[in-house]
Protein backbone atom coordinates (compact mmCIF):
# COMPACT_ATOMS: atom_id res chain seq x y z
CA UNK A 1 93.80 -142.87 111.29
CA UNK A 2 96.47 -142.51 114.00
CA UNK A 3 98.22 -139.88 111.91
CA UNK A 4 94.94 -137.97 111.54
CA UNK A 5 94.42 -138.14 115.30
CA UNK A 6 97.97 -136.90 115.96
CA UNK A 7 97.80 -133.89 113.65
CA UNK A 8 94.04 -133.40 113.41
CA UNK A 9 93.46 -130.04 111.81
CA UNK A 10 90.69 -128.61 113.94
CA UNK A 11 93.13 -126.55 116.00
CA UNK A 12 90.97 -126.39 119.10
CA UNK A 13 91.09 -130.08 119.92
CA UNK A 14 87.32 -130.49 120.25
CA UNK A 15 87.30 -133.29 117.64
CA UNK A 16 90.15 -135.72 117.06
CA UNK A 17 89.53 -136.05 113.33
CA UNK A 18 90.11 -133.59 110.51
CA UNK A 19 87.05 -131.37 110.26
CA UNK A 20 85.79 -129.06 107.55
CA UNK A 21 87.87 -126.08 108.59
CA UNK A 22 85.41 -123.95 110.55
CA UNK A 23 88.28 -122.23 112.34
CA UNK A 24 90.65 -122.03 109.39
CA UNK A 25 92.82 -124.98 110.39
CA UNK A 26 90.78 -127.84 108.96
CA UNK A 27 92.66 -128.33 105.73
CA UNK A 28 96.09 -128.22 107.34
CA UNK A 29 95.35 -131.54 109.02
CA UNK A 30 94.73 -133.19 105.65
CA UNK A 31 97.91 -131.60 104.29
CA UNK A 32 99.81 -132.88 107.32
CA UNK A 33 98.40 -136.38 106.79
CA UNK A 34 99.45 -136.31 103.13
CA UNK A 35 102.91 -135.00 104.04
CA UNK A 36 103.35 -137.60 106.78
CA UNK A 37 102.21 -140.37 104.44
CA UNK A 38 104.62 -139.14 101.74
CA UNK A 39 107.45 -139.05 104.29
CA UNK A 40 106.58 -142.56 105.47
CA UNK A 41 106.49 -143.84 101.88
CA UNK A 42 109.85 -142.18 101.19
CA UNK A 43 111.32 -143.72 104.35
CA UNK A 44 110.04 -147.16 103.36
CA UNK A 45 111.44 -146.77 99.82
CA UNK A 46 114.80 -145.60 101.15
CA UNK A 47 114.91 -148.52 103.60
CA UNK A 48 114.10 -150.96 100.78
CA UNK A 49 116.83 -149.47 98.58
CA UNK A 50 119.34 -149.63 101.44
CA UNK A 51 118.38 -153.25 102.12
CA UNK A 52 118.78 -154.11 98.42
CA UNK A 53 122.21 -152.46 98.34
CA UNK A 54 123.27 -154.28 101.52
CA UNK A 55 122.05 -157.60 100.11
CA UNK A 56 123.90 -156.96 96.84
CA UNK A 57 127.10 -156.09 98.74
CA UNK A 58 126.78 -159.24 100.86
CA UNK A 59 126.19 -161.36 97.75
CA UNK A 60 129.23 -159.79 96.05
CA UNK A 61 131.41 -160.43 99.12
CA UNK A 62 130.21 -164.03 99.37
CA UNK A 63 130.84 -164.56 95.65
CA UNK A 64 134.35 -163.07 95.94
CA UNK A 65 135.10 -165.28 98.96
CA UNK A 66 133.84 -168.37 97.13
CA UNK A 67 135.92 -167.55 94.06
CA UNK A 68 139.00 -166.94 96.22
CA UNK A 69 138.48 -170.26 98.03
CA UNK A 70 138.10 -172.10 94.71
CA UNK A 71 141.25 -170.43 93.34
CA UNK A 72 143.21 -171.27 96.51
CA UNK A 73 142.05 -174.87 96.33
CA UNK A 74 143.03 -175.08 92.65
CA UNK A 75 146.47 -173.63 93.43
CA UNK A 76 146.89 -176.09 96.31
CA UNK A 77 145.90 -179.01 94.07
CA UNK A 78 148.25 -177.86 91.30
CA UNK A 79 151.10 -177.40 93.77
CA UNK A 80 150.44 -180.84 95.30
CA UNK A 81 150.39 -182.50 91.87
CA UNK A 82 153.47 -180.53 90.77
CA UNK A 83 155.51 -181.40 93.85
CA UNK A 84 154.23 -184.96 94.16
């Protein structure tokens, strides 16, 4: 509804909603609403994909750090046993 108010297609500003197009601008408001909604949906999808990629990268980094810590601990234990 806010989007329709922002780009209401009556052109003259006498009504704040999309009207039937008595002055030739009525349908452009609906098109603008559809375009804005498509852009918003695309932005949301892109944000979700970026968040998923960031989460995957963080999980990979955490997994690599955990594996490195485990390997370092194993090496330390082996060295301690070897040089005991």
